[in-house]
Protein backbone atom coordinates (compact mmCIF):
# COMPACT_ATOMS: atom_id res chain seq x y z
CA MET A 1 -13.13 16.76 -35.86
CA PHE A 2 -15.51 19.45 -34.66
CA ALA A 3 -15.55 20.61 -31.36
CA ASP A 4 -18.64 18.42 -30.38
CA ALA A 5 -17.05 14.94 -31.25
CA LYS A 6 -17.03 12.33 -29.05
CA LEU A 7 -13.64 13.04 -28.59
CA ASP A 8 -12.38 9.90 -27.07
CA GLU A 9 -13.59 8.07 -29.87
CA ALA A 10 -12.33 10.63 -32.32
CA VAL A 11 -8.83 10.69 -30.84
CA ALA A 12 -8.89 7.06 -31.01
CA GLY A 13 -9.98 7.04 -34.40
CA ALA A 14 -7.43 9.66 -35.78
CA GLN A 15 -4.75 7.89 -33.97
CA ALA A 16 -5.30 4.51 -35.81
CA ALA A 17 -6.36 6.28 -38.97
CA ILE A 18 -2.47 7.50 -39.80
CA PHE A 19 -0.42 5.10 -37.42
CA ALA A 20 -1.99 1.51 -38.37
CA ALA A 21 0.44 -0.08 -40.80
CA ALA A 22 3.21 2.68 -40.01
CA GLY A 23 0.84 5.11 -42.07
CA GLN A 24 1.76 2.87 -45.20
CA SER A 25 -1.86 2.87 -46.61
CA CYS A 26 -3.56 4.37 -49.11
CA VAL A 27 -6.33 5.72 -47.36
CA ALA A 28 -4.15 6.98 -44.51
CA GLY A 29 -5.30 9.70 -42.49
CA SER A 30 -2.17 11.89 -43.15
CA ARG A 31 -4.17 15.21 -42.37
CA LEU A 32 -6.07 16.17 -39.39
CA LEU A 33 -8.11 19.52 -39.46
CA ILE A 34 -9.51 20.45 -35.75
CA GLU A 35 -12.22 22.82 -34.53
CA ARG A 36 -9.94 25.33 -32.73
CA SER A 37 -11.80 25.47 -29.54
CA VAL A 38 -10.49 21.87 -28.60
CA PHE A 39 -7.06 21.84 -30.91
CA GLU A 40 -4.69 22.18 -28.39
CA GLN A 41 -6.44 19.37 -26.66
CA VAL A 42 -6.99 17.40 -29.06
CA THR A 43 -3.23 17.36 -30.72
CA THR A 44 -1.68 17.04 -26.86
CA ARG A 45 -3.50 13.80 -26.52
CA LEU A 46 -2.86 12.38 -29.83
CA ALA A 47 1.10 13.18 -28.89
CA ARG A 48 0.94 11.72 -25.67
CA ALA A 49 -0.92 8.54 -27.25
CA ALA A 50 1.56 8.10 -30.59
CA GLU A 51 4.42 7.94 -27.52
CA GLN A 52 2.60 4.97 -25.65
CA ILE A 53 2.61 2.86 -29.37
CA PRO A 54 5.34 -0.10 -28.91
CA VAL A 55 7.43 0.47 -32.14
CA GLY A 56 9.15 -2.63 -32.81
CA LEU A 57 9.66 -6.02 -34.94
CA PRO A 58 6.85 -7.23 -36.85
CA SER A 59 7.73 -10.64 -35.55
CA ASP A 60 7.37 -9.22 -31.53
CA GLU A 61 3.67 -9.73 -30.48
CA GLY A 62 3.76 -6.72 -28.53
CA THR A 63 4.44 -4.45 -31.34
CA ARG A 64 1.79 -2.17 -32.73
CA MET A 65 3.82 -0.47 -35.51
CA GLY A 66 6.45 -1.83 -37.20
CA PRO A 67 9.58 -0.15 -39.92
CA LEU A 68 8.86 1.78 -43.48
CA GLN A 69 9.10 -0.84 -46.22
CA ASN A 70 12.15 0.65 -47.71
CA ARG A 71 14.98 2.62 -47.67
CA ARG A 72 13.98 5.32 -50.21
CA GLN A 73 10.40 6.05 -48.36
CA PHE A 74 12.34 6.13 -45.37
CA GLU A 75 14.40 8.96 -46.53
CA GLN A 76 11.68 10.36 -48.25
CA VAL A 77 9.55 10.72 -45.32
CA THR A 78 11.96 12.34 -42.65
CA ARG A 79 13.00 14.71 -45.35
CA MET A 80 9.38 15.82 -45.45
CA ILE A 81 9.32 16.08 -41.90
CA ASP A 82 12.57 18.19 -41.90
CA ALA A 83 11.60 20.36 -44.17
CA ALA A 84 8.19 21.41 -42.67
CA VAL A 85 10.49 22.15 -39.38
CA ALA A 86 12.39 24.08 -41.45
CA ALA A 87 9.49 26.25 -42.76
CA GLY A 88 7.77 26.65 -39.42
CA ALA A 89 5.85 23.31 -38.34
CA THR A 90 6.33 22.43 -34.53
CA LEU A 91 7.08 18.57 -33.49
CA LEU A 92 4.99 17.64 -30.81
CA THR A 93 6.35 14.34 -30.57
CA GLY A 94 8.45 11.82 -33.03
CA GLY A 95 10.05 12.91 -36.32
CA GLN A 96 13.24 10.49 -35.62
CA ARG A 97 14.32 6.47 -34.66
CA PRO A 98 12.13 5.60 -31.68
CA GLU A 99 14.60 5.38 -29.05
CA GLY A 100 15.02 1.77 -26.80
CA LEU A 101 14.78 -0.28 -29.97
CA PRO A 102 16.29 -3.70 -29.65
CA ASP A 103 19.86 -3.93 -31.21
CA GLU A 104 18.21 -6.59 -34.11
CA ALA A 105 15.66 -3.69 -34.92
CA GLN A 106 17.61 -3.12 -38.34
CA GLY A 107 14.63 -1.66 -40.58
CA TYR A 108 13.72 1.72 -41.06
CA PHE A 109 11.99 2.79 -38.33
CA ILE A 110 10.01 5.94 -37.75
CA ALA A 111 8.44 7.12 -34.38
CA PRO A 112 4.71 8.12 -34.33
CA THR A 113 4.76 11.69 -35.69
CA VAL A 114 2.65 14.70 -34.93
CA LEU A 115 2.81 18.30 -36.12
CA VAL A 116 1.60 21.03 -35.29
CA ASP A 117 1.65 24.96 -36.69
CA VAL A 118 1.22 23.91 -40.19
CA THR A 119 0.60 25.59 -43.27
CA PRO A 120 -1.71 24.48 -46.02
CA ASP A 121 0.90 25.48 -48.45
CA MET A 122 3.51 23.13 -47.04
CA GLU A 123 4.62 20.26 -48.81
CA ILE A 124 3.51 18.09 -45.82
CA ALA A 125 0.19 19.14 -46.09
CA GLN A 126 -0.22 19.11 -49.67
CA GLN A 127 1.71 15.70 -50.90
CA GLU A 128 1.17 12.06 -49.66
CA VAL A 129 3.75 11.34 -47.07
CA PHE A 130 2.79 7.52 -46.95
CA GLY A 131 4.50 7.22 -43.37
CA PRO A 132 3.39 7.77 -39.16
CA VAL A 133 3.39 11.61 -39.51
CA LEU A 134 0.03 13.31 -38.83
CA VAL A 135 -0.33 16.63 -40.03
CA ALA A 136 -2.94 18.67 -37.82
CA MET A 137 -4.13 21.98 -38.50
CA ALA A 138 -7.04 24.19 -37.00
CA PHE A 139 -10.46 26.15 -38.38
CA ASP A 140 -12.78 28.22 -36.54
CA ASP A 141 -16.05 27.21 -38.91
CA GLU A 142 -17.42 24.53 -41.27
CA ALA A 143 -16.70 26.72 -43.92
CA GLU A 144 -13.27 26.97 -43.51
CA ALA A 145 -13.27 23.28 -42.71
CA ILE A 146 -14.46 22.12 -46.27
CA GLN A 147 -12.10 24.77 -47.92
CA LEU A 148 -8.93 22.92 -45.92
CA ALA A 149 -10.12 19.78 -46.77
CA ASN A 150 -10.37 19.94 -50.35
CA GLU A 151 -7.32 22.54 -50.75
CA THR A 152 -5.41 19.41 -52.27
CA ARG A 153 -4.72 17.77 -55.51
CA PHE A 154 -5.60 14.43 -54.15
CA GLY A 155 -9.27 13.06 -52.89
CA LEU A 156 -9.38 9.49 -52.03
CA ALA A 157 -10.74 9.15 -48.40
CA GLY A 158 -11.95 11.31 -45.38
CA ALA A 159 -13.70 11.30 -42.30
CA VAL A 160 -15.97 13.96 -40.42
CA TRP A 161 -16.08 13.45 -36.76
CA SER A 162 -19.26 15.35 -34.98
CA GLN A 163 -22.54 14.49 -32.94
CA ASP A 164 -24.29 16.61 -35.18
CA VAL A 165 -25.59 14.22 -37.65
CA ALA A 166 -26.85 17.08 -40.10
CA ARG A 167 -23.97 19.04 -40.06
CA ALA A 168 -21.81 15.37 -40.43
CA HIS A 169 -23.64 14.49 -43.74
CA ARG A 170 -23.67 18.23 -44.99
CA VAL A 171 -20.14 18.38 -44.51
CA ALA A 172 -19.42 14.73 -46.17
CA GLY A 173 -21.63 15.74 -49.05
CA GLN A 174 -19.04 18.54 -49.88
CA LEU A 175 -15.67 16.81 -49.41
CA ARG A 176 -14.15 15.79 -52.68
CA ALA A 177 -13.10 12.38 -51.71
CA GLY A 178 -14.06 9.22 -52.98
CA THR A 179 -15.15 7.38 -49.68
CA VAL A 180 -15.96 9.27 -46.50
CA TRP A 181 -16.46 7.95 -43.16
CA ILE A 182 -18.46 9.54 -40.23
CA ASN A 183 -17.39 9.08 -36.80
CA SER A 184 -15.32 6.17 -38.00
CA TYR A 185 -12.41 5.15 -40.40
CA LYS A 186 -11.14 2.45 -42.78
CA ALA A 187 -14.61 0.08 -42.74
CA ILE A 188 -14.08 -1.01 -46.21
CA SER A 189 -16.76 -3.61 -47.94
CA VAL A 190 -16.17 -4.93 -51.61
CA MET A 191 -20.13 -3.88 -51.62
CA SER A 192 -18.88 -0.43 -51.95
CA PRO A 193 -17.43 1.62 -54.52
CA PHE A 194 -14.13 2.39 -54.03
CA GLY A 195 -11.91 4.91 -55.69
CA GLY A 196 -11.07 9.17 -55.90
CA PHE A 197 -11.19 12.55 -56.79
CA GLY A 198 -8.42 14.54 -58.59
CA ASP A 199 -4.82 13.14 -58.57
CA SER A 200 -6.38 10.32 -56.52
CA GLY A 201 -7.56 8.63 -59.72
CA PHE A 202 -10.49 7.82 -61.64
CA GLY A 203 -13.22 4.97 -62.09
CA ARG A 204 -14.32 2.34 -59.04
CA SER A 205 -13.25 -0.77 -57.94
CA SER A 206 -15.72 -2.69 -55.59
CA GLY A 207 -19.38 -2.48 -55.88
CA LEU A 208 -21.48 -2.15 -58.75
CA ASP A 209 -19.40 0.34 -60.06
CA GLY A 210 -16.60 -1.67 -60.02
CA LEU A 211 -18.48 -4.43 -62.19
CA ARG A 212 -19.65 -2.11 -64.59
CA GLU A 213 -15.53 -1.06 -65.45
CA TYR A 214 -15.85 -4.69 -66.76
CA THR A 215 -18.69 -3.99 -69.01
CA VAL A 216 -19.56 -2.77 -72.48
CA PRO A 217 -23.08 -1.55 -72.52
CA GLN A 218 -25.18 -2.17 -75.87
CA SER A 219 -28.07 0.06 -77.10
CA VAL A 220 -30.67 -1.92 -79.09
CA TRP A 221 -33.93 -0.02 -80.55
CA VAL A 222 -36.48 -2.41 -81.93
CA GLU A 223 -39.36 -0.72 -83.49
CA THR A 224 -42.43 -2.91 -82.70
CA ALA A 225 -45.16 -0.44 -83.54
CA PRO A 226 -47.71 -1.80 -86.50
CA GLU A 227 -46.95 1.41 -88.44
CA ALA A 228 -44.08 3.08 -87.63
CA SER A 229 -43.20 6.68 -86.87
CA VAL A 230 -40.96 8.16 -88.87
CA ALA A 231 -38.98 11.21 -87.64
CA PHE A 232 -37.90 12.90 -90.90
CA GLY A 233 -38.64 12.05 -94.46
CA TYR A 234 -40.98 12.12 -97.53
CA GLY A 235 -42.45 8.68 -97.05
CA SER A 236 -41.99 5.72 -99.31
CA GLY A 237 -43.18 7.55 -102.47
CA VAL A 238 -46.27 4.71 -102.71
CA GLY A 239 -49.59 6.14 -103.73
């Protein structure tokens, strides 16, 4: 997220990218890189917005974020949060079970979480969290943003938020991610190839590239010239 982005839209997009489905999405935007001049402003707004998300039972019409799917994942996510804080990260909000849940809400709930003071070598910045946890890191220029973005084993999806069209395309072209959105997130169509780089897998589904995964190409060469050319040899031996 660059400083020239439409910050209202960018903050809303970053929020939806990670907190939709409680972060349980293969393309969840769990790492947010923010230009340093707007870092504090953006993270403060994200933390305040996260605290307004109605968390509760999926059966409740007012719920916007439900629980994690199982106990094992709940323990993994809370362990990663605790490890990040122990390593020096700061919790702006979340990190534990939300307050005010009804008594019947016995699921594995974690409040929408925003972490800052995260370094690129921390586990939570390198591994997939698969929970409602946003890791925010600052960058000073375009080159550093690209370096931080690519400094991970995974590369399924990412986004660039900027009103500078040339820069947005320039950065998108250097991201090692199978899908890159510009000023948007999670817009997916079966007509567009979907897949990743690195440990996010190989090959593509959807689009023509996905169809080609089900084909076995065959080359057939037919000589049609009256007198066939011979690339090598001594002829037929007929005088």
